[in-house]
Amino acid sequence: MSVRLPLQTVLTAIDSSYAAGAASVAGGDAFPFQIPQDTDNVVVKFTASVTGGGVSAVFQTTDDGGTTWYDVARTSIVSNANSTTAQWLSIPVISNGITSANASVVAVGSIITTGRTIGSAAASTLTSGQVSGMPILSQQNRIFVIATGNVSATSLIQAVVKVNSQSATA
């Protein structure tokens, strides 16, 4: 496998709506975008400068044109930080189907086996730093920025989405 070039930006979202006030985990700002048909991998770079609360970004996909959204991956919650450290998500178009959230350990007699359980992928089900194991379901996707706590000030909340492709024209 080699590096897929070019790395094309498909979204640069700057969110300034959380200037002050309380926010809910169920609420946030959605930034829809389209990925090229021959996309191999999606990379999300999330930076934030906030005080008084935290923000995170969720990569979401849809299989019905945007009526229903499914969580694919969520960054860690950035709080009381400047925008110098980025949170990164790397999402393959074809997923391995295993969630990194919900690991389980099952004891069978004297043998302990470690396995994974099937996780939920509905919108707003992932917590900080989790991956659902869902593949990208269509060209239509979105970044959902969530504020937690009482964000008192923001100077930058930015999500940049880039795609890798085997095609030289993507």
N, C-alpha and C. Protein backbone atom coordinates (compact mmCIF):
# COMPACT_ATOMS: atom_id res chain seq x y z
N MET A 1 0.84 -1.17 0.00
CA MET A 1 0.00 0.00 0.00
C MET A 1 0.89 1.23 0.00
N SER A 2 0.46 2.24 -0.70
CA SER A 2 1.23 3.46 -0.77
C SER A 2 0.36 4.64 -0.38
N VAL A 3 1.00 5.79 -0.24
CA VAL A 3 0.28 7.01 0.07
C VAL A 3 -0.54 7.40 -1.15
N ARG A 4 -1.80 7.70 -0.92
CA ARG A 4 -2.68 8.10 -2.00
C ARG A 4 -2.60 9.61 -2.19
N LEU A 5 -2.27 10.04 -3.38
CA LEU A 5 -2.17 11.46 -3.68
C LEU A 5 -3.12 11.79 -4.80
N PRO A 6 -3.63 12.98 -4.93
CA PRO A 6 -3.42 14.08 -4.00
C PRO A 6 -4.34 13.98 -2.78
N LEU A 7 -3.99 14.69 -1.71
CA LEU A 7 -4.84 14.80 -0.53
C LEU A 7 -5.71 16.03 -0.76
N GLN A 8 -6.97 15.82 -1.00
CA GLN A 8 -7.87 16.89 -1.40
C GLN A 8 -8.76 17.31 -0.23
N THR A 9 -8.86 18.61 0.01
CA THR A 9 -9.75 19.14 1.05
C THR A 9 -11.17 19.21 0.50
N VAL A 10 -12.11 18.60 1.20
CA VAL A 10 -13.52 18.65 0.79
C VAL A 10 -14.37 19.50 1.73
N LEU A 11 -13.82 19.87 2.90
CA LEU A 11 -14.55 20.73 3.84
C LEU A 11 -13.58 21.45 4.75
N THR A 12 -13.79 22.74 4.92
CA THR A 12 -13.15 23.50 5.99
C THR A 12 -14.28 24.22 6.71
N ALA A 13 -14.60 23.75 7.89
CA ALA A 13 -15.72 24.30 8.65
C ALA A 13 -15.19 25.04 9.86
N ILE A 14 -15.59 26.30 10.00
CA ILE A 14 -15.23 27.09 11.18
C ILE A 14 -16.53 27.39 11.90
N ASP A 15 -16.59 26.98 13.17
CA ASP A 15 -17.81 27.11 13.95
C ASP A 15 -17.61 28.19 15.01
N SER A 16 -18.37 29.25 14.91
CA SER A 16 -18.27 30.33 15.91
C SER A 16 -19.58 30.51 16.66
N SER A 17 -20.51 29.55 16.55
CA SER A 17 -21.82 29.71 17.18
C SER A 17 -21.79 29.46 18.68
N TYR A 18 -20.72 28.85 19.20
CA TYR A 18 -20.65 28.58 20.64
C TYR A 18 -19.84 29.65 21.36
N ALA A 19 -20.15 30.88 21.09
CA ALA A 19 -19.42 31.98 21.72
C ALA A 19 -19.65 32.02 23.23
N ALA A 20 -20.83 31.67 23.67
CA ALA A 20 -21.13 31.67 25.10
C ALA A 20 -22.38 30.86 25.35
N GLY A 21 -22.53 30.35 26.57
CA GLY A 21 -23.75 29.67 26.95
C GLY A 21 -23.60 28.17 27.04
N ALA A 22 -24.62 27.55 27.61
CA ALA A 22 -24.61 26.10 27.79
C ALA A 22 -24.96 25.40 26.49
N ALA A 23 -24.47 24.18 26.34
CA ALA A 23 -24.77 23.38 25.16
C ALA A 23 -25.10 21.96 25.59
N SER A 24 -25.75 21.23 24.74
CA SER A 24 -26.16 19.87 25.04
C SER A 24 -25.41 18.89 24.17
N VAL A 25 -25.13 17.70 24.69
CA VAL A 25 -24.49 16.66 23.90
C VAL A 25 -25.38 16.28 22.72
N ALA A 26 -26.69 16.37 22.88
CA ALA A 26 -27.60 16.02 21.79
C ALA A 26 -27.66 17.11 20.73
N GLY A 27 -27.22 18.31 21.05
CA GLY A 27 -27.27 19.41 20.10
C GLY A 27 -25.90 19.76 19.57
N GLY A 28 -25.86 20.43 18.48
CA GLY A 28 -24.59 20.85 17.90
C GLY A 28 -24.81 21.44 16.53
N ASP A 29 -23.71 21.65 15.81
CA ASP A 29 -23.76 22.22 14.48
C ASP A 29 -23.30 21.19 13.46
N ALA A 30 -24.08 21.05 12.39
CA ALA A 30 -23.77 20.08 11.33
C ALA A 30 -23.15 20.79 10.14
N PHE A 31 -22.11 20.18 9.59
CA PHE A 31 -21.44 20.69 8.40
C PHE A 31 -21.40 19.58 7.35
N PRO A 32 -22.37 19.59 6.42
CA PRO A 32 -22.43 18.54 5.41
C PRO A 32 -21.37 18.73 4.33
N PHE A 33 -20.96 17.63 3.70
CA PHE A 33 -20.02 17.67 2.59
C PHE A 33 -20.16 16.41 1.76
N GLN A 34 -19.62 16.44 0.55
CA GLN A 34 -19.62 15.31 -0.35
C GLN A 34 -18.18 14.83 -0.53
N ILE A 35 -18.00 13.52 -0.60
CA ILE A 35 -16.68 12.98 -0.92
C ILE A 35 -16.70 12.47 -2.35
N PRO A 36 -15.55 12.50 -3.05
CA PRO A 36 -15.51 11.98 -4.41
C PRO A 36 -15.83 10.49 -4.44
N GLN A 37 -16.33 10.02 -5.56
CA GLN A 37 -16.74 8.63 -5.70
C GLN A 37 -15.60 7.65 -5.48
N ASP A 38 -14.38 7.99 -5.87
CA ASP A 38 -13.26 7.05 -5.76
C ASP A 38 -12.40 7.28 -4.52
N THR A 39 -13.01 7.77 -3.45
CA THR A 39 -12.30 8.01 -2.19
C THR A 39 -11.90 6.69 -1.52
N ASP A 40 -10.65 6.63 -1.05
CA ASP A 40 -10.16 5.47 -0.32
C ASP A 40 -10.23 5.66 1.18
N ASN A 41 -9.96 6.88 1.64
CA ASN A 41 -9.83 7.15 3.07
C ASN A 41 -10.18 8.61 3.31
N VAL A 42 -10.75 8.88 4.47
CA VAL A 42 -11.08 10.24 4.87
C VAL A 42 -10.29 10.57 6.13
N VAL A 43 -9.71 11.77 6.16
CA VAL A 43 -8.94 12.23 7.30
C VAL A 43 -9.59 13.51 7.81
N VAL A 44 -9.85 13.58 9.11
CA VAL A 44 -10.44 14.76 9.73
C VAL A 44 -9.43 15.35 10.71
N LYS A 45 -9.17 16.64 10.57
CA LYS A 45 -8.32 17.38 11.51
C LYS A 45 -9.22 18.36 12.25
N PHE A 46 -9.27 18.24 13.58
CA PHE A 46 -10.15 19.07 14.40
C PHE A 46 -9.31 19.86 15.39
N THR A 47 -9.44 21.17 15.36
CA THR A 47 -8.74 22.04 16.30
C THR A 47 -9.75 22.97 16.96
N ALA A 48 -9.47 23.31 18.20
CA ALA A 48 -10.39 24.19 18.93
C ALA A 48 -9.63 24.99 19.97
N SER A 49 -10.09 26.18 20.20
CA SER A 49 -9.60 27.02 21.27
C SER A 49 -10.82 27.45 22.08
N VAL A 50 -11.00 26.86 23.26
CA VAL A 50 -12.20 27.09 24.06
C VAL A 50 -11.84 27.25 25.53
N THR A 51 -12.72 27.90 26.25
CA THR A 51 -12.63 27.95 27.71
C THR A 51 -14.02 27.71 28.29
N GLY A 52 -14.04 27.16 29.49
CA GLY A 52 -15.28 26.97 30.21
C GLY A 52 -16.08 25.75 29.84
N GLY A 53 -15.64 24.96 28.92
CA GLY A 53 -16.37 23.77 28.50
C GLY A 53 -15.52 22.99 27.53
N GLY A 54 -16.14 22.23 26.67
CA GLY A 54 -15.39 21.44 25.70
C GLY A 54 -16.15 21.27 24.41
N VAL A 55 -15.42 20.92 23.37
CA VAL A 55 -16.02 20.66 22.07
C VAL A 55 -15.38 19.41 21.47
N SER A 56 -16.14 18.72 20.64
CA SER A 56 -15.63 17.58 19.91
C SER A 56 -16.31 17.54 18.55
N ALA A 57 -15.77 16.71 17.67
CA ALA A 57 -16.34 16.57 16.33
C ALA A 57 -16.65 15.11 16.06
N VAL A 58 -17.79 14.86 15.44
CA VAL A 58 -18.21 13.51 15.09
C VAL A 58 -18.31 13.44 13.57
N PHE A 59 -17.66 12.43 12.97
CA PHE A 59 -17.85 12.16 11.55
C PHE A 59 -19.08 11.28 11.44
N GLN A 60 -20.06 11.71 10.63
CA GLN A 60 -21.29 10.96 10.47
C GLN A 60 -21.54 10.66 9.00
N THR A 61 -22.19 9.53 8.75
CA THR A 61 -22.52 9.11 7.39
C THR A 61 -24.00 8.77 7.31
N THR A 62 -24.51 8.68 6.10
CA THR A 62 -25.94 8.40 5.89
C THR A 62 -26.11 7.40 4.76
N ASP A 63 -27.17 6.63 4.83
CA ASP A 63 -27.49 5.71 3.74
C ASP A 63 -28.80 6.08 3.06
N ASP A 64 -29.43 7.18 3.51
CA ASP A 64 -30.74 7.55 2.96
C ASP A 64 -30.81 9.01 2.53
N GLY A 65 -29.67 9.58 2.14
CA GLY A 65 -29.67 10.95 1.64
C GLY A 65 -29.68 12.03 2.71
N GLY A 66 -29.50 11.67 3.96
CA GLY A 66 -29.41 12.66 5.01
C GLY A 66 -30.57 12.70 5.98
N THR A 67 -31.51 11.78 5.85
CA THR A 67 -32.61 11.71 6.82
C THR A 67 -32.12 11.11 8.13
N THR A 68 -31.32 10.05 8.04
CA THR A 68 -30.78 9.37 9.22
C THR A 68 -29.26 9.45 9.16
N TRP A 69 -28.64 9.80 10.28
CA TRP A 69 -27.18 9.91 10.36
C TRP A 69 -26.64 8.88 11.34
N TYR A 70 -25.48 8.33 11.01
CA TYR A 70 -24.82 7.33 11.83
C TYR A 70 -23.43 7.81 12.21
N ASP A 71 -23.07 7.64 13.49
CA ASP A 71 -21.74 8.02 13.95
C ASP A 71 -20.70 7.02 13.45
N VAL A 72 -19.61 7.53 12.90
CA VAL A 72 -18.50 6.69 12.47
C VAL A 72 -17.34 6.82 13.46
N ALA A 73 -16.99 8.06 13.83
CA ALA A 73 -15.89 8.29 14.77
C ALA A 73 -16.07 9.64 15.43
N ARG A 74 -15.59 9.75 16.69
CA ARG A 74 -15.67 11.01 17.42
C ARG A 74 -14.31 11.34 18.01
N THR A 75 -13.92 12.59 17.90
CA THR A 75 -12.66 13.04 18.49
C THR A 75 -12.78 13.07 20.02
N SER A 76 -11.67 13.26 20.68
CA SER A 76 -11.70 13.53 22.12
C SER A 76 -12.31 14.90 22.34
N ILE A 77 -12.76 15.15 23.56
CA ILE A 77 -13.31 16.46 23.89
C ILE A 77 -12.16 17.41 24.19
N VAL A 78 -12.13 18.52 23.47
CA VAL A 78 -11.10 19.53 23.65
C VAL A 78 -11.67 20.57 24.62
N SER A 79 -10.97 20.79 25.75
CA SER A 79 -11.46 21.78 26.71
C SER A 79 -10.30 22.58 27.26
N ASN A 80 -10.58 23.84 27.54
CA ASN A 80 -9.58 24.75 28.10
C ASN A 80 -8.24 24.61 27.39
N ALA A 81 -8.29 24.68 26.06
CA ALA A 81 -7.09 24.47 25.27
C ALA A 81 -7.03 25.51 24.16
N ASN A 82 -5.82 25.69 23.65
CA ASN A 82 -5.69 26.52 22.46
C ASN A 82 -5.71 25.62 21.23
N SER A 83 -5.62 26.20 20.08
CA SER A 83 -5.78 25.43 18.85
C SER A 83 -4.48 24.87 18.30
N THR A 84 -3.45 24.75 19.13
CA THR A 84 -2.18 24.25 18.61
C THR A 84 -2.12 22.74 18.51
N THR A 85 -2.92 22.03 19.27
CA THR A 85 -2.93 20.57 19.21
C THR A 85 -4.19 20.10 18.51
N ALA A 86 -4.00 19.32 17.45
CA ALA A 86 -5.14 18.85 16.67
C ALA A 86 -5.57 17.46 17.12
N GLN A 87 -6.86 17.20 16.98
CA GLN A 87 -7.43 15.86 17.13
C GLN A 87 -7.56 15.31 15.71
N TRP A 88 -7.22 14.04 15.51
CA TRP A 88 -7.25 13.45 14.17
C TRP A 88 -8.15 12.23 14.14
N LEU A 89 -8.90 12.09 13.06
CA LEU A 89 -9.68 10.89 12.78
C LEU A 89 -9.26 10.39 11.41
N SER A 90 -9.10 9.10 11.26
CA SER A 90 -8.84 8.49 9.97
C SER A 90 -9.91 7.43 9.75
N ILE A 91 -10.68 7.61 8.68
CA ILE A 91 -11.83 6.76 8.44
C ILE A 91 -11.67 6.07 7.09
N PRO A 92 -11.55 4.73 7.07
CA PRO A 92 -11.49 4.03 5.79
C PRO A 92 -12.88 3.94 5.17
N VAL A 93 -12.92 3.89 3.86
CA VAL A 93 -14.21 3.75 3.17
C VAL A 93 -14.80 2.38 3.46
N ILE A 94 -13.97 1.35 3.46
CA ILE A 94 -14.42 0.01 3.81
C ILE A 94 -13.93 -0.26 5.22
N SER A 95 -14.84 -0.46 6.14
CA SER A 95 -14.49 -0.67 7.54
C SER A 95 -14.23 -2.14 7.82
N ASN A 96 -13.45 -2.39 8.87
CA ASN A 96 -13.26 -3.77 9.30
C ASN A 96 -14.46 -4.29 10.08
N GLY A 97 -15.42 -3.42 10.36
CA GLY A 97 -16.66 -3.85 11.01
C GLY A 97 -16.53 -4.12 12.49
N ILE A 98 -15.41 -3.76 13.09
CA ILE A 98 -15.21 -3.99 14.52
C ILE A 98 -15.17 -2.64 15.21
N THR A 99 -15.91 -2.53 16.27
CA THR A 99 -15.92 -1.28 17.00
C THR A 99 -14.82 -1.26 18.05
N SER A 100 -14.19 -0.11 18.22
CA SER A 100 -13.19 0.00 19.28
C SER A 100 -13.84 0.41 20.59
N ALA A 101 -15.10 0.80 20.52
CA ALA A 101 -15.86 1.09 21.74
C ALA A 101 -16.43 -0.22 22.23
N ASN A 102 -16.82 -0.49 23.32
CA ASN A 102 -17.51 -1.71 23.76
C ASN A 102 -16.67 -3.00 23.71
N ALA A 103 -15.42 -2.97 24.09
CA ALA A 103 -14.65 -4.22 24.16
C ALA A 103 -15.18 -5.04 25.34
N SER A 104 -15.15 -6.35 25.20
CA SER A 104 -15.67 -7.18 26.28
C SER A 104 -14.71 -8.33 26.58
N VAL A 105 -14.74 -8.79 27.81
CA VAL A 105 -13.95 -9.95 28.22
C VAL A 105 -14.94 -10.98 28.75
N VAL A 106 -14.85 -12.20 28.21
CA VAL A 106 -15.78 -13.26 28.59
C VAL A 106 -14.97 -14.41 29.18
N ALA A 107 -15.34 -14.90 30.35
CA ALA A 107 -14.65 -16.04 30.96
C ALA A 107 -15.41 -17.31 30.61
N VAL A 108 -14.71 -18.27 30.03
CA VAL A 108 -15.30 -19.56 29.68
C VAL A 108 -14.51 -20.63 30.41
N GLY A 109 -15.04 -21.19 31.49
CA GLY A 109 -14.29 -22.14 32.30
C GLY A 109 -13.04 -21.48 32.84
N SER A 110 -11.89 -22.08 32.55
CA SER A 110 -10.64 -21.48 33.00
C SER A 110 -9.95 -20.69 31.88
N ILE A 111 -10.61 -20.61 30.73
CA ILE A 111 -10.04 -19.89 29.58
C ILE A 111 -10.73 -18.53 29.48
N ILE A 112 -9.94 -17.48 29.38
CA ILE A 112 -10.50 -16.14 29.21
C ILE A 112 -10.28 -15.72 27.76
N THR A 113 -11.35 -15.36 27.10
CA THR A 113 -11.25 -14.90 25.73
C THR A 113 -11.63 -13.43 25.68
N THR A 114 -10.96 -12.69 24.83
CA THR A 114 -11.28 -11.28 24.65
C THR A 114 -11.93 -11.11 23.30
N GLY A 115 -13.06 -10.46 23.29
CA GLY A 115 -13.77 -10.26 22.03
C GLY A 115 -14.33 -8.86 21.95
N ARG A 116 -15.08 -8.62 20.94
CA ARG A 116 -15.71 -7.32 20.74
C ARG A 116 -17.21 -7.53 20.60
N THR A 117 -17.95 -6.55 21.01
CA THR A 117 -19.39 -6.61 20.86
C THR A 117 -19.82 -5.69 19.74
N ILE A 118 -21.00 -5.88 19.23
CA ILE A 118 -21.52 -5.00 18.20
C ILE A 118 -22.00 -3.73 18.88
N GLY A 119 -21.51 -2.60 18.42
CA GLY A 119 -21.85 -1.32 19.04
C GLY A 119 -22.98 -0.62 18.30
N SER A 120 -23.50 0.40 18.92
CA SER A 120 -24.54 1.21 18.33
C SER A 120 -23.90 2.29 17.48
N ALA A 121 -24.52 2.64 16.37
CA ALA A 121 -23.96 3.65 15.50
C ALA A 121 -24.95 4.77 15.19
N ALA A 122 -26.09 4.82 15.87
CA ALA A 122 -27.04 5.90 15.64
C ALA A 122 -26.38 7.22 16.00
N ALA A 123 -26.92 8.31 15.50
CA ALA A 123 -26.36 9.62 15.77
C ALA A 123 -26.33 9.89 17.27
N SER A 124 -25.26 10.51 17.72
CA SER A 124 -25.05 10.92 19.12
C SER A 124 -24.93 9.76 20.09
N THR A 125 -24.42 8.62 19.64
CA THR A 125 -24.23 7.49 20.55
C THR A 125 -22.77 7.31 20.96
N LEU A 126 -21.83 7.84 20.20
CA LEU A 126 -20.42 7.69 20.56
C LEU A 126 -20.03 8.70 21.63
N THR A 127 -19.18 8.26 22.53
CA THR A 127 -18.61 9.18 23.50
C THR A 127 -17.23 9.59 23.03
N SER A 128 -16.59 10.43 23.79
CA SER A 128 -15.29 10.99 23.43
C SER A 128 -14.27 9.92 23.04
N GLY A 129 -13.65 10.08 21.87
CA GLY A 129 -12.58 9.21 21.44
C GLY A 129 -13.01 7.84 20.96
N GLN A 130 -14.27 7.63 20.63
CA GLN A 130 -14.73 6.31 20.20
C GLN A 130 -14.89 6.21 18.69
N VAL A 131 -14.81 4.97 18.21
CA VAL A 131 -15.03 4.63 16.80
C VAL A 131 -16.11 3.57 16.77
N SER A 132 -17.10 3.71 15.88
CA SER A 132 -18.21 2.75 15.86
C SER A 132 -17.91 1.51 15.04
N GLY A 133 -17.00 1.60 14.08
CA GLY A 133 -16.75 0.49 13.18
C GLY A 133 -17.60 0.54 11.93
N MET A 134 -18.46 1.56 11.81
CA MET A 134 -19.30 1.74 10.62
C MET A 134 -18.44 2.15 9.44
N PRO A 135 -18.73 1.62 8.25
CA PRO A 135 -18.06 2.13 7.06
C PRO A 135 -18.75 3.40 6.58
N ILE A 136 -18.13 4.11 5.67
CA ILE A 136 -18.78 5.24 5.02
C ILE A 136 -19.85 4.66 4.09
N LEU A 137 -21.09 5.15 4.22
CA LEU A 137 -22.21 4.55 3.50
C LEU A 137 -22.57 5.23 2.18
N SER A 138 -22.12 6.46 1.98
CA SER A 138 -22.44 7.17 0.74
C SER A 138 -21.46 8.32 0.55
N GLN A 139 -21.62 9.04 -0.54
CA GLN A 139 -20.77 10.20 -0.79
C GLN A 139 -21.17 11.36 0.10
N GLN A 140 -22.40 11.35 0.61
CA GLN A 140 -22.89 12.43 1.47
C GLN A 140 -22.56 12.09 2.92
N ASN A 141 -21.84 13.00 3.59
CA ASN A 141 -21.44 12.83 4.99
C ASN A 141 -21.51 14.18 5.67
N ARG A 142 -21.19 14.20 6.95
CA ARG A 142 -21.14 15.48 7.65
C ARG A 142 -20.24 15.38 8.87
N ILE A 143 -19.78 16.54 9.31
CA ILE A 143 -19.10 16.70 10.59
C ILE A 143 -20.10 17.36 11.52
N PHE A 144 -20.26 16.79 12.71
CA PHE A 144 -21.19 17.33 13.69
C PHE A 144 -20.37 17.80 14.88
N VAL A 145 -20.35 19.11 15.11
CA VAL A 145 -19.57 19.70 16.21
C VAL A 145 -20.47 19.81 17.43
N ILE A 146 -20.01 19.22 18.54
CA ILE A 146 -20.78 19.18 19.78
C ILE A 146 -20.06 19.96 20.87
N ALA A 147 -20.79 20.83 21.55
CA ALA A 147 -20.24 21.53 22.72
C ALA A 147 -20.78 20.88 23.98
N THR A 148 -19.93 20.69 24.96
CA THR A 148 -20.36 20.11 26.23
C THR A 148 -20.05 21.11 27.34
N GLY A 149 -20.85 21.09 28.36
CA GLY A 149 -20.64 22.00 29.47
C GLY A 149 -21.07 23.42 29.12
N ASN A 150 -20.50 24.38 29.79
CA ASN A 150 -20.84 25.78 29.60
C ASN A 150 -19.66 26.48 28.94
N VAL A 151 -19.61 26.41 27.63
CA VAL A 151 -18.53 27.05 26.89
C VAL A 151 -18.68 28.55 27.05
N SER A 152 -17.67 29.20 27.64
CA SER A 152 -17.76 30.62 27.89
C SER A 152 -17.10 31.46 26.81
N ALA A 153 -16.15 30.90 26.09
CA ALA A 153 -15.51 31.66 25.03
C ALA A 153 -14.87 30.71 24.03
N THR A 154 -14.94 31.09 22.78
CA THR A 154 -14.25 30.35 21.73
C THR A 154 -13.57 31.34 20.82
N SER A 155 -12.39 31.00 20.35
CA SER A 155 -11.76 31.83 19.35
C SER A 155 -11.54 31.05 18.07
N LEU A 156 -11.60 29.72 18.16
CA LEU A 156 -11.47 28.90 16.96
C LEU A 156 -12.00 27.50 17.21
N ILE A 157 -12.93 27.09 16.40
CA ILE A 157 -13.35 25.69 16.32
C ILE A 157 -13.35 25.37 14.84
N GLN A 158 -12.43 24.51 14.42
CA GLN A 158 -12.28 24.25 13.00
C GLN A 158 -12.14 22.76 12.72
N ALA A 159 -12.90 22.31 11.72
CA ALA A 159 -12.80 20.93 11.24
C ALA A 159 -12.43 20.97 9.77
N VAL A 160 -11.36 20.26 9.42
CA VAL A 160 -10.92 20.16 8.03
C VAL A 160 -11.02 18.70 7.63
N VAL A 161 -11.73 18.43 6.53
CA VAL A 161 -11.89 17.06 6.05
C VAL A 161 -11.14 16.94 4.73
N LYS A 162 -10.27 15.93 4.68
CA LYS A 162 -9.48 15.66 3.47
C LYS A 162 -9.72 14.21 3.06
N VAL A 163 -9.60 13.95 1.76
CA VAL A 163 -9.79 12.60 1.25
C VAL A 163 -8.54 12.14 0.52
N ASN A 164 -8.28 10.84 0.63
CA ASN A 164 -7.22 10.19 -0.14
C ASN A 164 -7.90 9.42 -1.25
N SER A 165 -7.22 9.35 -2.39
CA SER A 165 -7.80 8.67 -3.53
C SER A 165 -6.72 7.99 -4.36
N GLN A 166 -7.10 6.94 -5.04
CA GLN A 166 -6.19 6.31 -5.99
C GLN A 166 -6.14 7.09 -7.28
N SER A 167 -7.12 7.91 -7.53
CA SER A 167 -7.20 8.66 -8.76
C SER A 167 -6.38 9.94 -8.66
N ALA A 168 -5.70 10.29 -9.71
CA ALA A 168 -4.93 11.53 -9.74
C ALA A 168 -5.81 12.75 -9.92
N THR A 169 -7.10 12.55 -10.17
CA THR A 169 -8.00 13.67 -10.41
C THR A 169 -8.91 13.98 -9.23
N ALA A 170 -8.87 13.17 -8.18
CA ALA A 170 -9.77 13.39 -7.04
C ALA A 170 -9.28 14.52 -6.17
